[in-house]
Each structure stands twice: as structure tokens, then as C-alpha cells.
């Protein structure tokens, strides 16, 4: 968390940056409306957050080619560097944590996570969405069940 605090960005700004970072390789853009939906902010709050990020040079905003009323937002090179750096730091922390686990616990953790990560169902979609209807259905494949 110290590395995130050092960026002097607000939590909402970080959420927007990570949403844009997860959206694509930087070529794809998100509308302000899509950002608001993704990070659970009002459209006005998402617009203000994007304005601040544009001012810091971390995101770029431009008109949609098909509809000039729609604003498209993407990470700048500097914004992409912040997202990539933070993800790399978090991945290193997780690798270090897992590397210090005793081998039986490490195998157990991998055994528990593999069916989740390798499954075709995206269990991460809808996180933060208060609607229970968006929860993905559990896998019907019996090979995905944990061994007893």
C-alpha cells in the first residue's frame, strides 16, 4: 500500500486507472459511462475523476469518432507505466508469500486455485456489482470439484 500512497492519487483515480489498464492494451478506449459502471461511480464522479487524471497526464480523453457526444478515455504511456509498475509490485509480493509457504500448503493452494483460474467461468466479473443476478454459475463439470 505504501507504493500506492506514494502516487498521491485518490482511491477513485486508482480504480479508474486499473479499470483502463484491465480493459485492453491501451489501443482500446472506454467511455466515461463505461468507466462509471466498471468502478461503481456516478457518471458525474467518473467524469470529475477522469478530468483530474487528464490534468495529471495519466489518461487521454478524446471524442468518439462515431459519436462526438461520447468521450473516449485511455491510458497515456505514463498511466500505463503506473498500472504496470503497481501490478508488478503486487505480483512480486504474492510470489514471495507463496514462495515462503511450506510445500504441502503451496500444493494445496495451487490445487484450490487452479479450478477457479482455469475454468471458463469468469468469477471476477461483476465484482462490486450489488446485483446477485450477475454472479456466475458454478461449474457443472465434476472434474472441477475439489478432491476429498
C-alpha atoms as a PDB file:
ATOM      1  CA  UNK A   1       0.000   0.000   0.000  1.00  0.00           C
ATOM      2  CA  UNK A   2       2.926   2.358   0.599  1.00  0.00           C
ATOM      3  CA  UNK A   3       3.731   2.384  -3.122  1.00  0.00           C
ATOM      4  CA  UNK A   4       0.149   3.331  -3.959  1.00  0.00           C
ATOM      5  CA  UNK A   5       0.161   6.067  -1.317  1.00  0.00           C
ATOM      6  CA  UNK A   6       3.332   7.480  -2.836  1.00  0.00           C
ATOM      7  CA  UNK A   7       1.479   8.128  -6.110  1.00  0.00           C
ATOM      8  CA  UNK A   8      -0.663  10.773  -4.354  1.00  0.00           C
ATOM      9  CA  UNK A   9      -3.659   9.588  -6.354  1.00  0.00           C
ATOM     10  CA  UNK A  10      -7.086   9.169  -4.804  1.00  0.00           C
ATOM     11  CA  UNK A  11      -8.675   5.764  -4.468  1.00  0.00           C
ATOM     12  CA  UNK A  12     -11.176   6.632  -7.217  1.00  0.00           C
ATOM     13  CA  UNK A  13      -8.366   7.738  -9.525  1.00  0.00           C
ATOM     14  CA  UNK A  14      -6.513   4.478  -8.916  1.00  0.00           C
ATOM     15  CA  UNK A  15      -9.671   2.472  -9.583  1.00  0.00           C
ATOM     16  CA  UNK A  16     -10.142   4.274 -12.900  1.00  0.00           C
ATOM     17  CA  UNK A  17      -6.504   3.708 -13.885  1.00  0.00           C
ATOM     18  CA  UNK A  18      -6.727  -0.010 -13.084  1.00  0.00           C
ATOM     19  CA  UNK A  19     -10.058  -0.333 -14.910  1.00  0.00           C
ATOM     20  CA  UNK A  20      -8.491   1.220 -18.001  1.00  0.00           C
ATOM     21  CA  UNK A  21      -5.414  -0.974 -17.572  1.00  0.00           C
ATOM     22  CA  UNK A  22      -7.531  -4.108 -17.392  1.00  0.00           C
ATOM     23  CA  UNK A  23      -9.641  -3.051 -20.365  1.00  0.00           C
ATOM     24  CA  UNK A  24      -7.043  -3.610 -23.030  1.00  0.00           C
ATOM     25  CA  UNK A  25      -3.619  -2.893 -24.362  1.00  0.00           C
ATOM     26  CA  UNK A  26      -4.103   0.867 -24.481  1.00  0.00           C
ATOM     27  CA  UNK A  27      -5.378   0.876 -28.048  1.00  0.00           C
ATOM     28  CA  UNK A  28      -8.917   0.268 -26.840  1.00  0.00           C
ATOM     29  CA  UNK A  29     -10.657   3.079 -25.027  1.00  0.00           C
ATOM     30  CA  UNK A  30     -13.507   3.210 -22.558  1.00  0.00           C
ATOM     31  CA  UNK A  31     -16.257   5.781 -22.484  1.00  0.00           C
ATOM     32  CA  UNK A  32     -16.751   7.748 -19.290  1.00  0.00           C
ATOM     33  CA  UNK A  33     -20.077   5.920 -18.892  1.00  0.00           C
ATOM     34  CA  UNK A  34     -18.311   2.518 -19.144  1.00  0.00           C
ATOM     35  CA  UNK A  35     -15.748   3.664 -16.582  1.00  0.00           C
ATOM     36  CA  UNK A  36     -18.505   4.792 -14.201  1.00  0.00           C
ATOM     37  CA  UNK A  37     -20.196   1.388 -14.492  1.00  0.00           C
ATOM     38  CA  UNK A  38     -16.919  -0.501 -14.087  1.00  0.00           C
ATOM     39  CA  UNK A  39     -15.775   1.275 -10.916  1.00  0.00           C
ATOM     40  CA  UNK A  40     -19.232   1.899  -9.432  1.00  0.00           C
ATOM     41  CA  UNK A  41     -19.109   5.691  -9.545  1.00  0.00           C
ATOM     42  CA  UNK A  42     -21.815   8.078 -10.650  1.00  0.00           C
ATOM     43  CA  UNK A  43     -21.356   9.441 -14.150  1.00  0.00           C
ATOM     44  CA  UNK A  44     -20.577  12.891 -12.685  1.00  0.00           C
ATOM     45  CA  UNK A  45     -17.983  11.498 -10.255  1.00  0.00           C
ATOM     46  CA  UNK A  46     -16.377   9.415 -13.008  1.00  0.00           C
ATOM     47  CA  UNK A  47     -16.213  12.499 -15.230  1.00  0.00           C
ATOM     48  CA  UNK A  48     -14.552  14.560 -12.484  1.00  0.00           C
ATOM     49  CA  UNK A  49     -12.074  11.748 -11.790  1.00  0.00           C
ATOM     50  CA  UNK A  50     -11.205  11.482 -15.481  1.00  0.00           C
ATOM     51  CA  UNK A  51     -10.782  15.284 -15.637  1.00  0.00           C
ATOM     52  CA  UNK A  52      -8.233  15.126 -12.809  1.00  0.00           C
ATOM     53  CA  UNK A  53      -6.392  12.214 -14.438  1.00  0.00           C
ATOM     54  CA  UNK A  54      -6.264  14.084 -17.756  1.00  0.00           C
ATOM     55  CA  UNK A  55      -4.772  17.041 -15.860  1.00  0.00           C
ATOM     56  CA  UNK A  56      -2.039  14.829 -14.414  1.00  0.00           C
ATOM     57  CA  UNK A  57      -1.238  13.376 -17.838  1.00  0.00           C
ATOM     58  CA  UNK A  58      -2.131   9.805 -16.851  1.00  0.00           C
ATOM     59  CA  UNK A  59      -5.085   9.420 -19.221  1.00  0.00           C
ATOM     60  CA  UNK A  60      -6.054  10.825 -22.574  1.00  0.00           C
ATOM     61  CA  UNK A  61      -9.629  11.813 -23.458  1.00  0.00           C
ATOM     62  CA  UNK A  62     -10.949  12.355 -26.958  1.00  0.00           C
ATOM     63  CA  UNK A  63     -14.208  12.383 -28.837  1.00  0.00           C
ATOM     64  CA  UNK A  64     -15.583   9.127 -30.181  1.00  0.00           C
ATOM     65  CA  UNK A  65     -15.180   9.006 -33.959  1.00  0.00           C
ATOM     66  CA  UNK A  66     -18.753   7.776 -34.446  1.00  0.00           C
ATOM     67  CA  UNK A  67     -20.464   9.941 -31.821  1.00  0.00           C
ATOM     68  CA  UNK A  68     -18.876  13.250 -30.810  1.00  0.00           C
ATOM     69  CA  UNK A  69     -21.035  13.383 -27.655  1.00  0.00           C
ATOM     70  CA  UNK A  70     -19.174  10.336 -26.288  1.00  0.00           C
ATOM     71  CA  UNK A  71     -15.746  10.863 -24.742  1.00  0.00           C
ATOM     72  CA  UNK A  72     -13.253   8.005 -25.025  1.00  0.00           C
ATOM     73  CA  UNK A  73     -10.582   7.605 -22.351  1.00  0.00           C
ATOM     74  CA  UNK A  74      -7.342   5.631 -22.499  1.00  0.00           C
ATOM     75  CA  UNK A  75      -4.120   5.409 -20.523  1.00  0.00           C
ATOM     76  CA  UNK A  76      -1.179   7.512 -21.572  1.00  0.00           C
ATOM     77  CA  UNK A  77       2.289   5.981 -21.547  1.00  0.00           C
ATOM     78  CA  UNK A  78       2.807   7.387 -18.039  1.00  0.00           C
ATOM     79  CA  UNK A  79      -0.544   5.983 -16.876  1.00  0.00           C
ATOM     80  CA  UNK A  80       0.317   2.568 -18.309  1.00  0.00           C
ATOM     81  CA  UNK A  81       3.674   2.663 -16.508  1.00  0.00           C
ATOM     82  CA  UNK A  82       1.974   3.314 -13.158  1.00  0.00           C
ATOM     83  CA  UNK A  83      -0.501   0.461 -13.671  1.00  0.00           C
ATOM     84  CA  UNK A  84       2.198  -1.953 -14.848  1.00  0.00           C
ATOM     85  CA  UNK A  85       4.524  -0.965 -12.003  1.00  0.00           C
ATOM     86  CA  UNK A  86       1.843  -1.460  -9.348  1.00  0.00           C
ATOM     87  CA  UNK A  87       0.791  -4.812 -10.805  1.00  0.00           C
ATOM     88  CA  UNK A  88       4.411  -5.941 -10.895  1.00  0.00           C
ATOM     89  CA  UNK A  89       4.895  -4.960  -7.241  1.00  0.00           C
ATOM     90  CA  UNK A  90       1.760  -6.860  -6.208  1.00  0.00           C
ATOM     91  CA  UNK A  91       2.772  -9.916  -8.235  1.00  0.00           C
ATOM     92  CA  UNK A  92       6.198  -9.915  -6.565  1.00  0.00           C
ATOM     93  CA  UNK A  93       4.552  -9.713  -3.130  1.00  0.00           C
ATOM     94  CA  UNK A  94       2.286 -12.652  -3.935  1.00  0.00           C
ATOM     95  CA  UNK A  95       5.190 -14.688  -5.352  1.00  0.00           C
ATOM     96  CA  UNK A  96       7.202 -14.006  -2.189  1.00  0.00           C
ATOM     97  CA  UNK A  97       4.289 -15.006   0.031  1.00  0.00           C
ATOM     98  CA  UNK A  98       3.661 -18.227  -1.868  1.00  0.00           C
ATOM     99  CA  UNK A  99       7.388 -18.990  -2.016  1.00  0.00           C
ATOM    100  CA  UNK A 100       7.591 -18.874   1.788  1.00  0.00           C
ATOM    101  CA  UNK A 101       4.706 -21.318   2.273  1.00  0.00           C
ATOM    102  CA  UNK A 102       5.613 -24.879   3.226  1.00  0.00           C
ATOM    103  CA  UNK A 103       5.387 -27.186   0.212  1.00  0.00           C
ATOM    104  CA  UNK A 104       2.196 -29.002   1.342  1.00  0.00           C
ATOM    105  CA  UNK A 105       0.378 -25.682   1.783  1.00  0.00           C
ATOM    106  CA  UNK A 106       1.676 -24.402  -1.555  1.00  0.00           C
ATOM    107  CA  UNK A 107       0.388 -27.544  -3.316  1.00  0.00           C
ATOM    108  CA  UNK A 108      -2.951 -27.187  -1.533  1.00  0.00           C
ATOM    109  CA  UNK A 109      -3.249 -23.537  -2.546  1.00  0.00           C
ATOM    110  CA  UNK A 110      -2.470 -24.358  -6.165  1.00  0.00           C
ATOM    111  CA  UNK A 111      -4.943 -27.230  -6.088  1.00  0.00           C
ATOM    112  CA  UNK A 112      -7.651 -24.934  -4.761  1.00  0.00           C
ATOM    113  CA  UNK A 113      -6.958 -22.063  -7.174  1.00  0.00           C
ATOM    114  CA  UNK A 114      -6.384 -23.971 -10.420  1.00  0.00           C
ATOM    115  CA  UNK A 115     -10.055 -24.912 -10.950  1.00  0.00           C
ATOM    116  CA  UNK A 116     -11.037 -21.284 -10.374  1.00  0.00           C
ATOM    117  CA  UNK A 117      -8.389 -19.736 -12.620  1.00  0.00           C
ATOM    118  CA  UNK A 118      -8.542 -22.371 -15.369  1.00  0.00           C
ATOM    119  CA  UNK A 119     -12.343 -22.534 -15.529  1.00  0.00           C
ATOM    120  CA  UNK A 120     -14.183 -20.933 -18.438  1.00  0.00           C
ATOM    121  CA  UNK A 121     -16.386 -19.044 -15.972  1.00  0.00           C
ATOM    122  CA  UNK A 122     -15.081 -15.579 -15.124  1.00  0.00           C
ATOM    123  CA  UNK A 123     -15.560 -15.492 -11.362  1.00  0.00           C
ATOM    124  CA  UNK A 124     -14.139 -11.971 -11.267  1.00  0.00           C
ATOM    125  CA  UNK A 125     -16.823 -10.427 -13.462  1.00  0.00           C
ATOM    126  CA  UNK A 126     -19.358  -8.412 -11.566  1.00  0.00           C
ATOM    127  CA  UNK A 127     -17.162  -7.939  -8.501  1.00  0.00           C
ATOM    128  CA  UNK A 128     -18.547  -4.931  -6.723  1.00  0.00           C
ATOM    129  CA  UNK A 129     -21.873  -5.284  -8.510  1.00  0.00           C
ATOM    130  CA  UNK A 130     -24.528  -5.467  -5.788  1.00  0.00           C
ATOM    131  CA  UNK A 131     -26.837  -7.464  -8.054  1.00  0.00           C
ATOM    132  CA  UNK A 132     -26.765 -11.200  -7.152  1.00  0.00           C
ATOM    133  CA  UNK A 133     -28.101 -11.990 -10.626  1.00  0.00           C
ATOM    134  CA  UNK A 134     -24.655 -11.208 -12.048  1.00  0.00           C
ATOM    135  CA  UNK A 135     -22.953 -13.967 -10.061  1.00  0.00           C
ATOM    136  CA  UNK A 136     -21.562 -16.633 -12.396  1.00  0.00           C
ATOM    137  CA  UNK A 137     -22.984 -20.107 -12.136  1.00  0.00           C
ATOM    138  CA  UNK A 138     -20.739 -22.751 -10.564  1.00  0.00           C
ATOM    139  CA  UNK A 139     -19.088 -25.160 -12.990  1.00  0.00           C
ATOM    140  CA  UNK A 140     -21.145 -28.175 -13.927  1.00  0.00           C
ATOM    141  CA  UNK A 141     -18.058 -30.214 -14.795  1.00  0.00           C
ATOM    142  CA  UNK A 142     -17.430 -32.728 -11.995  1.00  0.00           C
ATOM    143  CA  UNK A 143     -13.676 -32.598 -12.673  1.00  0.00           C
ATOM    144  CA  UNK A 144     -13.696 -29.076 -11.261  1.00  0.00           C
ATOM    145  CA  UNK A 145     -14.723 -30.270  -7.801  1.00  0.00           C
ATOM    146  CA  UNK A 146     -12.089 -30.417  -5.096  1.00  0.00           C
ATOM    147  CA  UNK A 147     -10.703 -33.818  -4.236  1.00  0.00           C
ATOM    148  CA  UNK A 148     -11.866 -35.178  -0.907  1.00  0.00           C
END
